[in-house]
């Protein structure tokens, strides 16, 4: 199973971006889908998660500005980033809990989001 994250880029403060993470391979079921980010010099942090039933959870730092969603038919999840701030600058990683012959976690390589002031 491979995860491909995309959609990062350079945006001005107040702008928006949409990240995608597509899974491919021998997938039977995808359970939780999660976005993390890691800013320069900081630890990786969980920012948004969506279960296979659609329940979402957000870090306080992004609540009300970011929206996570998923398309189960495409094995893809999205993260809409609105009202971006310079402190949102980070590499964004996706993680999925995938059932192939057992449940395993898989990570994407990350996509860089840079927010200029």
N, C-alpha and C. Protein backbone atom coordinates (compact mmCIF):
# COMPACT_ATOMS: atom_id res chain seq x y z
N UNK A 1 0.85 -1.19 0.00
CA UNK A 1 0.00 0.00 0.00
C UNK A 1 0.89 1.24 0.00
N UNK A 2 0.55 2.20 -0.84
CA UNK A 2 1.29 3.47 -0.89
C UNK A 2 0.32 4.62 -0.73
N UNK A 3 0.79 5.65 -0.03
CA UNK A 3 0.02 6.88 0.13
C UNK A 3 0.75 8.01 -0.58
N UNK A 4 0.02 8.75 -1.38
CA UNK A 4 0.59 9.87 -2.12
C UNK A 4 -0.11 11.15 -1.69
N UNK A 5 0.63 12.01 -1.02
CA UNK A 5 0.09 13.30 -0.60
C UNK A 5 0.45 14.36 -1.63
N UNK A 6 -0.46 15.29 -1.85
CA UNK A 6 -0.23 16.36 -2.82
C UNK A 6 -1.04 17.59 -2.43
N UNK A 7 -0.75 18.70 -3.11
CA UNK A 7 -1.53 19.91 -2.92
C UNK A 7 -0.83 21.01 -2.16
N UNK A 8 0.35 20.74 -1.63
CA UNK A 8 1.06 21.78 -0.91
C UNK A 8 1.57 22.87 -1.84
N UNK A 9 2.05 23.94 -1.23
CA UNK A 9 2.57 25.03 -2.03
C UNK A 9 2.77 26.28 -1.19
N UNK A 10 3.02 27.38 -1.89
CA UNK A 10 3.23 28.68 -1.24
C UNK A 10 1.95 29.50 -1.37
N UNK A 11 1.50 30.04 -0.25
CA UNK A 11 0.28 30.82 -0.25
C UNK A 11 0.45 31.98 0.72
N UNK A 12 -0.24 33.07 0.46
CA UNK A 12 -0.20 34.21 1.36
C UNK A 12 -1.12 33.98 2.56
N UNK A 13 -0.80 34.63 3.64
CA UNK A 13 -1.65 34.54 4.83
C UNK A 13 -3.07 34.93 4.47
N UNK A 14 -4.02 34.17 5.01
CA UNK A 14 -5.42 34.38 4.69
C UNK A 14 -5.91 33.55 3.53
N UNK A 15 -4.99 32.94 2.82
CA UNK A 15 -5.34 32.15 1.65
C UNK A 15 -5.76 30.74 2.00
N UNK A 16 -5.96 29.95 0.96
CA UNK A 16 -6.45 28.57 1.13
C UNK A 16 -5.65 27.61 0.27
N UNK A 17 -5.63 26.37 0.71
CA UNK A 17 -5.06 25.26 -0.04
C UNK A 17 -5.89 24.03 0.21
N UNK A 18 -5.84 23.09 -0.71
CA UNK A 18 -6.51 21.81 -0.51
C UNK A 18 -5.48 20.70 -0.70
N UNK A 19 -5.28 19.94 0.35
CA UNK A 19 -4.38 18.80 0.29
C UNK A 19 -5.16 17.53 0.01
N UNK A 20 -4.50 16.62 -0.68
CA UNK A 20 -5.10 15.31 -0.96
C UNK A 20 -4.12 14.22 -0.55
N UNK A 21 -4.66 13.08 -0.20
CA UNK A 21 -3.83 11.91 0.10
C UNK A 21 -4.55 10.70 -0.46
N UNK A 22 -3.96 10.08 -1.47
CA UNK A 22 -4.58 8.94 -2.14
C UNK A 22 -3.83 7.67 -1.80
N UNK A 23 -4.57 6.64 -1.45
CA UNK A 23 -3.98 5.34 -1.15
C UNK A 23 -4.17 4.40 -2.34
N UNK A 24 -3.15 3.59 -2.59
CA UNK A 24 -3.23 2.62 -3.67
C UNK A 24 -2.59 1.32 -3.21
N UNK A 25 -3.01 0.23 -3.85
CA UNK A 25 -2.47 -1.08 -3.49
C UNK A 25 -3.58 -2.03 -3.12
N UNK A 26 -3.21 -3.08 -2.40
CA UNK A 26 -4.16 -4.13 -2.02
C UNK A 26 -4.93 -3.71 -0.78
N UNK A 27 -5.93 -2.89 -0.99
CA UNK A 27 -6.70 -2.32 0.11
C UNK A 27 -8.05 -2.99 0.20
N UNK A 28 -8.39 -3.42 1.40
CA UNK A 28 -9.73 -3.96 1.62
C UNK A 28 -10.60 -2.93 2.32
N UNK A 29 -10.10 -2.39 3.39
CA UNK A 29 -10.83 -1.38 4.14
C UNK A 29 -9.83 -0.36 4.69
N UNK A 30 -10.23 0.89 4.69
CA UNK A 30 -9.44 1.92 5.36
C UNK A 30 -10.23 2.41 6.56
N UNK A 31 -9.62 2.33 7.71
CA UNK A 31 -10.27 2.80 8.93
C UNK A 31 -9.96 4.28 9.10
N UNK A 32 -9.28 4.65 10.15
CA UNK A 32 -9.02 6.06 10.41
C UNK A 32 -8.04 6.65 9.39
N UNK A 33 -8.32 7.88 9.01
CA UNK A 33 -7.43 8.66 8.14
C UNK A 33 -7.03 9.90 8.93
N UNK A 34 -5.77 10.23 8.92
CA UNK A 34 -5.27 11.29 9.80
C UNK A 34 -4.26 12.17 9.07
N UNK A 35 -4.34 13.46 9.34
CA UNK A 35 -3.33 14.41 8.87
C UNK A 35 -2.48 14.85 10.07
N UNK A 36 -1.18 14.91 9.84
CA UNK A 36 -0.23 15.44 10.80
C UNK A 36 0.54 16.56 10.11
N UNK A 37 1.23 17.34 10.91
CA UNK A 37 2.16 18.30 10.33
C UNK A 37 3.37 18.44 11.24
N UNK A 38 4.47 18.84 10.61
CA UNK A 38 5.70 19.07 11.36
C UNK A 38 6.33 20.36 10.88
N UNK A 39 6.35 21.32 11.77
CA UNK A 39 6.96 22.61 11.47
C UNK A 39 8.46 22.53 11.75
N UNK A 40 9.24 23.41 11.15
CA UNK A 40 10.69 23.39 11.37
C UNK A 40 11.02 23.49 12.86
N UNK A 41 11.83 22.56 13.34
CA UNK A 41 12.27 22.58 14.72
C UNK A 41 11.24 22.11 15.72
N UNK A 42 10.11 21.60 15.24
CA UNK A 42 9.06 21.16 16.15
C UNK A 42 8.72 19.69 15.93
N UNK A 43 8.03 19.13 16.89
CA UNK A 43 7.60 17.73 16.77
C UNK A 43 6.39 17.63 15.85
N UNK A 44 6.23 16.45 15.29
CA UNK A 44 5.07 16.18 14.46
C UNK A 44 3.82 16.20 15.35
N UNK A 45 2.76 16.84 14.86
CA UNK A 45 1.54 16.93 15.63
C UNK A 45 0.35 16.48 14.80
N UNK A 46 -0.60 15.85 15.47
CA UNK A 46 -1.85 15.44 14.83
C UNK A 46 -2.74 16.67 14.70
N UNK A 47 -3.25 16.92 13.52
CA UNK A 47 -4.10 18.10 13.35
C UNK A 47 -5.54 17.76 12.96
N UNK A 48 -5.77 16.64 12.32
CA UNK A 48 -7.14 16.30 11.95
C UNK A 48 -7.25 14.80 11.68
N UNK A 49 -8.38 14.25 12.07
CA UNK A 49 -8.62 12.82 11.85
C UNK A 49 -10.08 12.59 11.48
N UNK A 50 -10.30 11.60 10.63
CA UNK A 50 -11.66 11.23 10.25
C UNK A 50 -11.77 9.71 10.29
N UNK A 51 -12.82 9.21 10.92
CA UNK A 51 -13.02 7.77 11.01
C UNK A 51 -13.76 7.28 9.76
N UNK A 52 -13.90 5.96 9.63
CA UNK A 52 -14.60 5.45 8.45
C UNK A 52 -16.09 5.73 8.51
N UNK A 53 -16.59 6.15 9.65
CA UNK A 53 -18.00 6.54 9.75
C UNK A 53 -18.19 8.04 9.55
N UNK A 54 -17.07 8.75 9.38
CA UNK A 54 -17.16 10.18 9.11
C UNK A 54 -17.00 11.09 10.32
N UNK A 55 -16.76 10.52 11.47
CA UNK A 55 -16.53 11.34 12.66
C UNK A 55 -15.18 12.04 12.55
N UNK A 56 -15.17 13.33 12.82
CA UNK A 56 -13.94 14.12 12.67
C UNK A 56 -13.46 14.65 14.03
N UNK A 57 -12.17 14.92 14.05
CA UNK A 57 -11.54 15.46 15.25
C UNK A 57 -10.42 16.39 14.80
N UNK A 58 -10.29 17.54 15.46
CA UNK A 58 -9.30 18.53 15.07
C UNK A 58 -8.48 19.01 16.26
N UNK A 59 -7.25 19.38 15.98
CA UNK A 59 -6.44 20.06 16.97
C UNK A 59 -7.00 21.46 17.17
N UNK A 60 -6.87 21.98 18.37
CA UNK A 60 -7.40 23.31 18.66
C UNK A 60 -6.80 24.37 17.74
N UNK A 61 -5.55 24.17 17.34
CA UNK A 61 -4.86 25.17 16.54
C UNK A 61 -5.45 25.32 15.14
N UNK A 62 -6.21 24.33 14.67
CA UNK A 62 -6.77 24.40 13.31
C UNK A 62 -8.29 24.34 13.29
N UNK A 63 -8.89 24.14 14.43
CA UNK A 63 -10.35 24.00 14.49
C UNK A 63 -11.02 25.26 13.96
N UNK A 64 -11.98 25.06 13.08
CA UNK A 64 -12.69 26.18 12.49
C UNK A 64 -12.04 26.73 11.23
N UNK A 65 -10.82 26.31 10.95
CA UNK A 65 -10.13 26.79 9.74
C UNK A 65 -9.85 25.66 8.75
N UNK A 66 -9.60 24.47 9.26
CA UNK A 66 -9.28 23.32 8.42
C UNK A 66 -10.46 22.36 8.43
N UNK A 67 -10.67 21.68 7.29
CA UNK A 67 -11.75 20.70 7.18
C UNK A 67 -11.23 19.43 6.55
N UNK A 68 -11.39 18.32 7.26
CA UNK A 68 -10.97 17.03 6.75
C UNK A 68 -12.18 16.31 6.15
N UNK A 69 -11.95 15.59 5.07
CA UNK A 69 -13.01 14.81 4.45
C UNK A 69 -12.39 13.59 3.78
N UNK A 70 -13.24 12.66 3.35
CA UNK A 70 -12.73 11.46 2.70
C UNK A 70 -13.70 10.99 1.63
N UNK A 71 -13.13 10.33 0.63
CA UNK A 71 -13.91 9.70 -0.42
C UNK A 71 -13.53 8.23 -0.40
N UNK A 72 -14.37 7.41 0.19
CA UNK A 72 -14.03 6.00 0.36
C UNK A 72 -13.94 5.26 -0.98
N UNK A 73 -14.70 5.69 -1.94
CA UNK A 73 -14.66 5.03 -3.25
C UNK A 73 -13.32 5.24 -3.94
N UNK A 74 -12.67 6.35 -3.61
CA UNK A 74 -11.37 6.67 -4.22
C UNK A 74 -10.21 6.41 -3.27
N UNK A 75 -10.49 5.90 -2.07
CA UNK A 75 -9.43 5.69 -1.07
C UNK A 75 -8.59 6.95 -0.87
N UNK A 76 -9.29 8.06 -0.78
CA UNK A 76 -8.62 9.35 -0.72
C UNK A 76 -9.19 10.20 0.40
N UNK A 77 -8.32 10.95 1.04
CA UNK A 77 -8.78 11.93 2.00
C UNK A 77 -8.25 13.31 1.60
N UNK A 78 -8.92 14.31 2.13
CA UNK A 78 -8.62 15.69 1.79
C UNK A 78 -8.48 16.52 3.05
N UNK A 79 -7.76 17.61 2.93
CA UNK A 79 -7.70 18.58 4.01
C UNK A 79 -7.80 19.95 3.37
N UNK A 80 -8.91 20.63 3.65
CA UNK A 80 -9.09 21.99 3.16
C UNK A 80 -8.54 22.93 4.20
N UNK A 81 -7.56 23.74 3.79
CA UNK A 81 -6.92 24.67 4.70
C UNK A 81 -7.38 26.08 4.33
N UNK A 82 -8.13 26.70 5.20
CA UNK A 82 -8.61 28.07 5.00
C UNK A 82 -8.01 29.00 6.05
N UNK A 83 -8.07 30.29 5.75
CA UNK A 83 -7.58 31.31 6.69
C UNK A 83 -6.18 30.96 7.18
N UNK A 84 -5.32 30.64 6.26
CA UNK A 84 -3.98 30.19 6.62
C UNK A 84 -3.17 31.28 7.30
N UNK A 85 -2.33 30.86 8.22
CA UNK A 85 -1.47 31.75 8.98
C UNK A 85 -0.02 31.32 8.76
N UNK A 86 0.92 32.25 8.95
CA UNK A 86 2.33 31.86 8.81
C UNK A 86 2.72 30.68 9.71
N UNK A 87 2.10 30.57 10.85
CA UNK A 87 2.42 29.46 11.76
C UNK A 87 1.88 28.11 11.28
N UNK A 88 1.11 28.12 10.21
CA UNK A 88 0.68 26.86 9.60
C UNK A 88 1.75 26.28 8.67
N UNK A 89 2.82 27.01 8.46
CA UNK A 89 3.91 26.53 7.62
C UNK A 89 4.50 25.25 8.21
N UNK A 90 4.50 24.19 7.41
CA UNK A 90 4.96 22.88 7.88
C UNK A 90 4.92 21.90 6.73
N UNK A 91 5.51 20.75 6.97
CA UNK A 91 5.30 19.61 6.08
C UNK A 91 4.10 18.85 6.61
N UNK A 92 3.15 18.60 5.75
CA UNK A 92 1.92 17.92 6.12
C UNK A 92 1.99 16.47 5.67
N UNK A 93 1.72 15.57 6.61
CA UNK A 93 1.78 14.14 6.36
C UNK A 93 0.41 13.50 6.53
N UNK A 94 0.15 12.49 5.71
CA UNK A 94 -1.08 11.74 5.89
C UNK A 94 -0.75 10.33 6.39
N UNK A 95 -1.66 9.81 7.14
CA UNK A 95 -1.53 8.48 7.71
C UNK A 95 -2.88 7.79 7.58
N UNK A 96 -2.85 6.53 7.22
CA UNK A 96 -4.09 5.75 7.13
C UNK A 96 -3.90 4.41 7.81
N UNK A 97 -4.96 3.96 8.43
CA UNK A 97 -5.00 2.63 9.02
C UNK A 97 -5.75 1.74 8.03
N UNK A 98 -5.01 0.82 7.41
CA UNK A 98 -5.52 0.06 6.27
C UNK A 98 -5.57 -1.42 6.59
N UNK A 99 -6.68 -2.04 6.21
CA UNK A 99 -6.79 -3.49 6.35
C UNK A 99 -6.47 -4.13 5.00
N UNK A 100 -5.37 -4.88 4.98
CA UNK A 100 -5.01 -5.67 3.80
C UNK A 100 -5.29 -7.12 4.16
N UNK A 101 -4.36 -7.75 4.87
CA UNK A 101 -4.64 -9.05 5.51
C UNK A 101 -4.74 -8.86 7.01
N UNK A 102 -4.37 -7.68 7.47
CA UNK A 102 -4.49 -7.25 8.86
C UNK A 102 -4.45 -5.73 8.84
N UNK A 103 -4.77 -5.10 9.95
CA UNK A 103 -4.69 -3.64 10.00
C UNK A 103 -3.24 -3.20 10.16
N UNK A 104 -2.83 -2.28 9.29
CA UNK A 104 -1.49 -1.72 9.34
C UNK A 104 -1.58 -0.22 9.10
N UNK A 105 -0.61 0.52 9.62
CA UNK A 105 -0.59 1.94 9.35
C UNK A 105 0.39 2.24 8.23
N UNK A 106 0.00 3.20 7.41
CA UNK A 106 0.83 3.64 6.30
C UNK A 106 0.90 5.16 6.32
N UNK A 107 2.06 5.67 5.90
CA UNK A 107 2.32 7.10 5.89
C UNK A 107 2.65 7.57 4.48
N UNK A 108 2.18 8.77 4.17
CA UNK A 108 2.62 9.41 2.95
C UNK A 108 3.93 10.15 3.21
N UNK A 109 4.59 10.59 2.14
CA UNK A 109 5.88 11.26 2.28
C UNK A 109 5.78 12.68 2.77
N UNK A 110 4.68 13.30 2.65
CA UNK A 110 4.53 14.67 3.10
C UNK A 110 4.51 15.66 1.97
N UNK A 111 3.81 16.74 2.22
CA UNK A 111 3.73 17.83 1.24
C UNK A 111 3.91 19.15 1.98
N UNK A 112 4.75 20.02 1.44
CA UNK A 112 5.14 21.25 2.13
C UNK A 112 4.13 22.36 1.89
N UNK A 113 3.69 22.96 2.97
CA UNK A 113 2.83 24.15 2.92
C UNK A 113 3.62 25.31 3.51
N UNK A 114 3.75 26.36 2.73
CA UNK A 114 4.45 27.55 3.19
C UNK A 114 3.49 28.74 3.11
N UNK A 115 3.30 29.41 4.24
CA UNK A 115 2.39 30.55 4.31
C UNK A 115 3.22 31.81 4.56
N UNK A 116 3.16 32.72 3.63
CA UNK A 116 3.92 33.97 3.77
C UNK A 116 3.05 35.05 4.41
N UNK A 117 3.72 35.92 5.14
CA UNK A 117 2.98 36.99 5.85
C UNK A 117 2.85 38.24 5.00
